[in-house]
Structure formats: C-alpha cells, structure tokens
C-alpha cells in the first residue's frame, strides 16, 4: 500500500515512517525539510502543504 506521512521529519512522523516502511508499505514522507537520515525505501519531499 502506498502511504503519505505529513510531518515525516518530526518525532511521531519519523516513527510512523520507519514502522510503515518496515511493514512493507511504500511510504512518501512530506515535511518542511528533509530529515538527516533517509531510509532507502522511503521517498521524502520537502514541501509546505497549504491549509
């Protein structure tokens, strides 16, 4: 399953990204900045999503 996680570089977001990717999901992480450590199986996008 392909999933998008907003706030992916934060505490809860990075936890969610790691666990979802470990469970075999295709994960796209979105946050204002890319995290310093990016798992190879996760795509990260630096973006600001409007309200």
PDB file of N, CA and C in Angstrom:
ATOM      1  N   UNK A   1       0.853  -1.162   0.000  1.00  0.00           N
ATOM      2  CA  UNK A   1       0.000   0.000   0.000  1.00  0.00           C
ATOM      3  C   UNK A   1       0.902   1.229   0.000  1.00  0.00           C
ATOM      4  N   UNK A   2       0.547   2.245  -0.779  1.00  0.00           N
ATOM      5  CA  UNK A   2       1.302   3.494  -0.822  1.00  0.00           C
ATOM      6  C   UNK A   2       0.675   4.471   0.166  1.00  0.00           C
ATOM      7  N   UNK A   3       1.501   5.008   1.060  1.00  0.00           N
ATOM      8  CA  UNK A   3       1.019   5.901   2.110  1.00  0.00           C
ATOM      9  C   UNK A   3       1.817   7.190   2.120  1.00  0.00           C
ATOM     10  N   UNK A   4       1.155   8.299   2.458  1.00  0.00           N
ATOM     11  CA  UNK A   4       1.814   9.595   2.609  1.00  0.00           C
ATOM     12  C   UNK A   4       1.764   9.963   4.083  1.00  0.00           C
ATOM     13  N   UNK A   5       2.927  10.353   4.620  1.00  0.00           N
ATOM     14  CA  UNK A   5       3.008  10.778   6.018  1.00  0.00           C
ATOM     15  C   UNK A   5       3.443  12.231   6.029  1.00  0.00           C
ATOM     16  N   UNK A   6       2.580  13.125   6.533  1.00  0.00           N
ATOM     17  CA  UNK A   6       2.960  14.523   6.678  1.00  0.00           C
ATOM     18  C   UNK A   6       3.630  14.693   8.036  1.00  0.00           C
ATOM     19  N   UNK A   7       4.533  15.661   8.114  1.00  0.00           N
ATOM     20  CA  UNK A   7       5.297  15.823   9.350  1.00  0.00           C
ATOM     21  C   UNK A   7       6.290  14.689   9.532  1.00  0.00           C
ATOM     22  N   UNK A   8       6.790  14.157   8.434  1.00  0.00           N
ATOM     23  CA  UNK A   8       7.607  12.940   8.437  1.00  0.00           C
ATOM     24  C   UNK A   8       8.965  13.087   9.103  1.00  0.00           C
ATOM     25  N   UNK A   9       9.457  14.310   9.263  1.00  0.00           N
ATOM     26  CA  UNK A   9      10.766  14.509   9.880  1.00  0.00           C
ATOM     27  C   UNK A   9      10.662  14.713  11.392  1.00  0.00           C
ATOM     28  N   UNK A  10       9.453  14.859  11.914  1.00  0.00           N
ATOM     29  CA  UNK A  10       9.263  15.059  13.346  1.00  0.00           C
ATOM     30  C   UNK A  10       9.332  13.757  14.123  1.00  0.00           C
ATOM     31  N   UNK A  11       9.135  13.849  15.419  1.00  0.00           N
ATOM     32  CA  UNK A  11       9.227  12.677  16.285  1.00  0.00           C
ATOM     33  C   UNK A  11       8.240  11.583  15.944  1.00  0.00           C
ATOM     34  N   UNK A  12       6.952  11.907  15.980  1.00  0.00           N
ATOM     35  CA  UNK A  12       5.925  10.904  15.676  1.00  0.00           C
ATOM     36  C   UNK A  12       5.942  10.525  14.203  1.00  0.00           C
ATOM     37  N   UNK A  13       6.182  11.503  13.335  1.00  0.00           N
ATOM     38  CA  UNK A  13       6.205  11.231  11.903  1.00  0.00           C
ATOM     39  C   UNK A  13       7.332  10.293  11.501  1.00  0.00           C
ATOM     40  N   UNK A  14       8.521  10.512  12.060  1.00  0.00           N
ATOM     41  CA  UNK A  14       9.647   9.637  11.711  1.00  0.00           C
ATOM     42  C   UNK A  14       9.422   8.227  12.246  1.00  0.00           C
ATOM     43  N   UNK A  15       8.792   8.125  13.406  1.00  0.00           N
ATOM     44  CA  UNK A  15       8.450   6.808  13.951  1.00  0.00           C
ATOM     45  C   UNK A  15       7.475   6.100  13.013  1.00  0.00           C
ATOM     46  N   UNK A  16       6.442   6.829  12.570  1.00  0.00           N
ATOM     47  CA  UNK A  16       5.441   6.245  11.679  1.00  0.00           C
ATOM     48  C   UNK A  16       6.067   5.820  10.353  1.00  0.00           C
ATOM     49  N   UNK A  17       6.925   6.669   9.790  1.00  0.00           N
ATOM     50  CA  UNK A  17       7.589   6.344   8.523  1.00  0.00           C
ATOM     51  C   UNK A  17       8.406   5.064   8.669  1.00  0.00           C
ATOM     52  N   UNK A  18       9.208   4.982   9.722  1.00  0.00           N
ATOM     53  CA  UNK A  18      10.050   3.797   9.932  1.00  0.00           C
ATOM     54  C   UNK A  18       9.211   2.530  10.062  1.00  0.00           C
ATOM     55  N   UNK A  19       8.160   2.574  10.859  1.00  0.00           N
ATOM     56  CA  UNK A  19       7.350   1.379  11.090  1.00  0.00           C
ATOM     57  C   UNK A  19       6.542   0.971   9.857  1.00  0.00           C
ATOM     58  N   UNK A  20       6.002   1.950   9.153  1.00  0.00           N
ATOM     59  CA  UNK A  20       5.239   1.627   7.940  1.00  0.00           C
ATOM     60  C   UNK A  20       6.150   1.035   6.866  1.00  0.00           C
ATOM     61  N   UNK A  21       7.345   1.604   6.709  1.00  0.00           N
ATOM     62  CA  UNK A  21       8.294   1.073   5.723  1.00  0.00           C
ATOM     63  C   UNK A  21       8.750  -0.325   6.111  1.00  0.00           C
ATOM     64  N   UNK A  22       8.983  -0.553   7.399  1.00  0.00           N
ATOM     65  CA  UNK A  22       9.391  -1.873   7.880  1.00  0.00           C
ATOM     66  C   UNK A  22       8.303  -2.912   7.625  1.00  0.00           C
ATOM     67  N   UNK A  23       7.048  -2.478   7.694  1.00  0.00           N
ATOM     68  CA  UNK A  23       5.923  -3.387   7.442  1.00  0.00           C
ATOM     69  C   UNK A  23       5.690  -3.636   5.953  1.00  0.00           C
ATOM     70  N   UNK A  24       6.533  -3.032   5.096  1.00  0.00           N
ATOM     71  CA  UNK A  24       6.459  -3.300   3.673  1.00  0.00           C
ATOM     72  C   UNK A  24       5.646  -2.321   2.848  1.00  0.00           C
ATOM     73  N   UNK A  25       5.195  -1.232   3.466  1.00  0.00           N
ATOM     74  CA  UNK A  25       4.415  -0.238   2.725  1.00  0.00           C
ATOM     75  C   UNK A  25       5.344   0.677   1.935  1.00  0.00           C
ATOM     76  N   UNK A  26       4.839   1.210   0.836  1.00  0.00           N
ATOM     77  CA  UNK A  26       5.562   2.214   0.056  1.00  0.00           C
ATOM     78  C   UNK A  26       5.223   3.563   0.685  1.00  0.00           C
ATOM     79  N   UNK A  27       6.217   4.230   1.282  1.00  0.00           N
ATOM     80  CA  UNK A  27       5.972   5.434   2.072  1.00  0.00           C
ATOM     81  C   UNK A  27       6.560   6.659   1.382  1.00  0.00           C
ATOM     82  N   UNK A  28       5.764   7.729   1.335  1.00  0.00           N
ATOM     83  CA  UNK A  28       6.224   9.037   0.889  1.00  0.00           C
ATOM     84  C   UNK A  28       6.111   9.957   2.098  1.00  0.00           C
ATOM     85  N   UNK A  29       7.235  10.498   2.541  1.00  0.00           N
ATOM     86  CA  UNK A  29       7.259  11.404   3.687  1.00  0.00           C
ATOM     87  C   UNK A  29       7.314  12.843   3.217  1.00  0.00           C
ATOM     88  N   UNK A  30       6.472  13.699   3.807  1.00  0.00           N
ATOM     89  CA  UNK A  30       6.435  15.120   3.447  1.00  0.00           C
ATOM     90  C   UNK A  30       6.648  15.945   4.702  1.00  0.00           C
ATOM     91  N   UNK A  31       7.551  16.926   4.607  1.00  0.00           N
ATOM     92  CA  UNK A  31       7.791  17.851   5.720  1.00  0.00           C
ATOM     93  C   UNK A  31       8.448  19.104   5.157  1.00  0.00           C
ATOM     94  N   UNK A  32       8.604  20.123   5.995  1.00  0.00           N
ATOM     95  CA  UNK A  32       9.222  21.362   5.538  1.00  0.00           C
ATOM     96  C   UNK A  32      10.672  21.142   5.110  1.00  0.00           C
ATOM     97  N   UNK A  33      11.364  20.252   5.781  1.00  0.00           N
ATOM     98  CA  UNK A  33      12.751  19.926   5.451  1.00  0.00           C
ATOM     99  C   UNK A  33      12.913  18.425   5.396  1.00  0.00           C
ATOM    100  N   UNK A  34      13.874  17.984   4.604  1.00  0.00           N
ATOM    101  CA  UNK A  34      14.161  16.546   4.537  1.00  0.00           C
ATOM    102  C   UNK A  34      14.908  16.149   5.808  1.00  0.00           C
ATOM    103  N   UNK A  35      14.643  14.961   6.319  1.00  0.00           N
ATOM    104  CA  UNK A  35      15.332  14.520   7.538  1.00  0.00           C
ATOM    105  C   UNK A  35      16.803  14.212   7.246  1.00  0.00           C
ATOM    106  N   UNK A  36      17.655  14.269   8.279  1.00  0.00           N
ATOM    107  CA  UNK A  36      19.080  13.989   8.072  1.00  0.00           C
ATOM    108  C   UNK A  36      19.355  12.531   7.693  1.00  0.00           C
ATOM    109  N   UNK A  37      18.486  11.625   8.140  1.00  0.00           N
ATOM    110  CA  UNK A  37      18.649  10.196   7.838  1.00  0.00           C
ATOM    111  C   UNK A  37      17.424   9.733   7.067  1.00  0.00           C
ATOM    112  N   UNK A  38      17.652   9.299   5.841  1.00  0.00           N
ATOM    113  CA  UNK A  38      16.540   8.854   5.000  1.00  0.00           C
ATOM    114  C   UNK A  38      16.667   7.362   4.708  1.00  0.00           C
ATOM    115  N   UNK A  39      15.715   6.554   5.150  1.00  0.00           N
ATOM    116  CA  UNK A  39      15.746   5.135   4.779  1.00  0.00           C
ATOM    117  C   UNK A  39      15.689   4.984   3.264  1.00  0.00           C
ATOM    118  N   UNK A  40      16.382   4.015   2.744  1.00  0.00           N
ATOM    119  CA  UNK A  40      16.454   3.807   1.293  1.00  0.00           C
ATOM    120  C   UNK A  40      15.094   3.482   0.683  1.00  0.00           C
ATOM    121  N   UNK A  41      14.185   2.941   1.465  1.00  0.00           N
ATOM    122  CA  UNK A  41      12.893   2.501   0.940  1.00  0.00           C
ATOM    123  C   UNK A  41      11.819   3.584   1.008  1.00  0.00           C
ATOM    124  N   UNK A  42      12.181   4.790   1.459  1.00  0.00           N
ATOM    125  CA  UNK A  42      11.216   5.861   1.656  1.00  0.00           C
ATOM    126  C   UNK A  42      11.562   7.036   0.747  1.00  0.00           C
ATOM    127  N   UNK A  43      10.549   7.632   0.124  1.00  0.00           N
ATOM    128  CA  UNK A  43      10.729   8.844  -0.665  1.00  0.00           C
ATOM    129  C   UNK A  43      10.351  10.033   0.204  1.00  0.00           C
ATOM    130  N   UNK A  44      11.242  11.043   0.279  1.00  0.00           N
ATOM    131  CA  UNK A  44      10.956  12.238   1.059  1.00  0.00           C
ATOM    132  C   UNK A  44      10.810  13.443   0.143  1.00  0.00           C
ATOM    133  N   UNK A  45       9.847  14.278   0.444  1.00  0.00           N
ATOM    134  CA  UNK A  45       9.622  15.513  -0.292  1.00  0.00           C
ATOM    135  C   UNK A  45       9.620  16.677   0.690  1.00  0.00           C
ATOM    136  N   UNK A  46      10.394  17.720   0.379  1.00  0.00           N
ATOM    137  CA  UNK A  46      10.371  18.927   1.191  1.00  0.00           C
ATOM    138  C   UNK A  46       9.275  19.824   0.614  1.00  0.00           C
ATOM    139  N   UNK A  47       8.223  20.056   1.388  1.00  0.00           N
ATOM    140  CA  UNK A  47       7.099  20.838   0.903  1.00  0.00           C
ATOM    141  C   UNK A  47       6.310  21.413   2.070  1.00  0.00           C
ATOM    142  N   UNK A  48       5.613  22.509   1.798  1.00  0.00           N
ATOM    143  CA  UNK A  48       4.703  23.104   2.761  1.00  0.00           C
ATOM    144  C   UNK A  48       3.308  22.908   2.196  1.00  0.00           C
ATOM    145  N   UNK A  49       2.490  22.141   2.871  1.00  0.00           N
ATOM    146  CA  UNK A  49       1.128  21.886   2.383  1.00  0.00           C
ATOM    147  C   UNK A  49       0.199  22.986   2.896  1.00  0.00           C
ATOM    148  N   UNK A  50      -0.508  23.674   2.001  1.00  0.00           N
ATOM    149  CA  UNK A  50      -1.400  24.748   2.438  1.00  0.00           C
ATOM    150  C   UNK A  50      -2.593  24.195   3.206  1.00  0.00           C
ATOM    151  N   UNK A  51      -3.160  25.039   4.017  1.00  0.00           N
ATOM    152  CA  UNK A  51      -4.335  24.650   4.811  1.00  0.00           C
ATOM    153  C   UNK A  51      -5.560  24.513   3.964  1.00  0.00           C
TER     154      UNK A  51
END
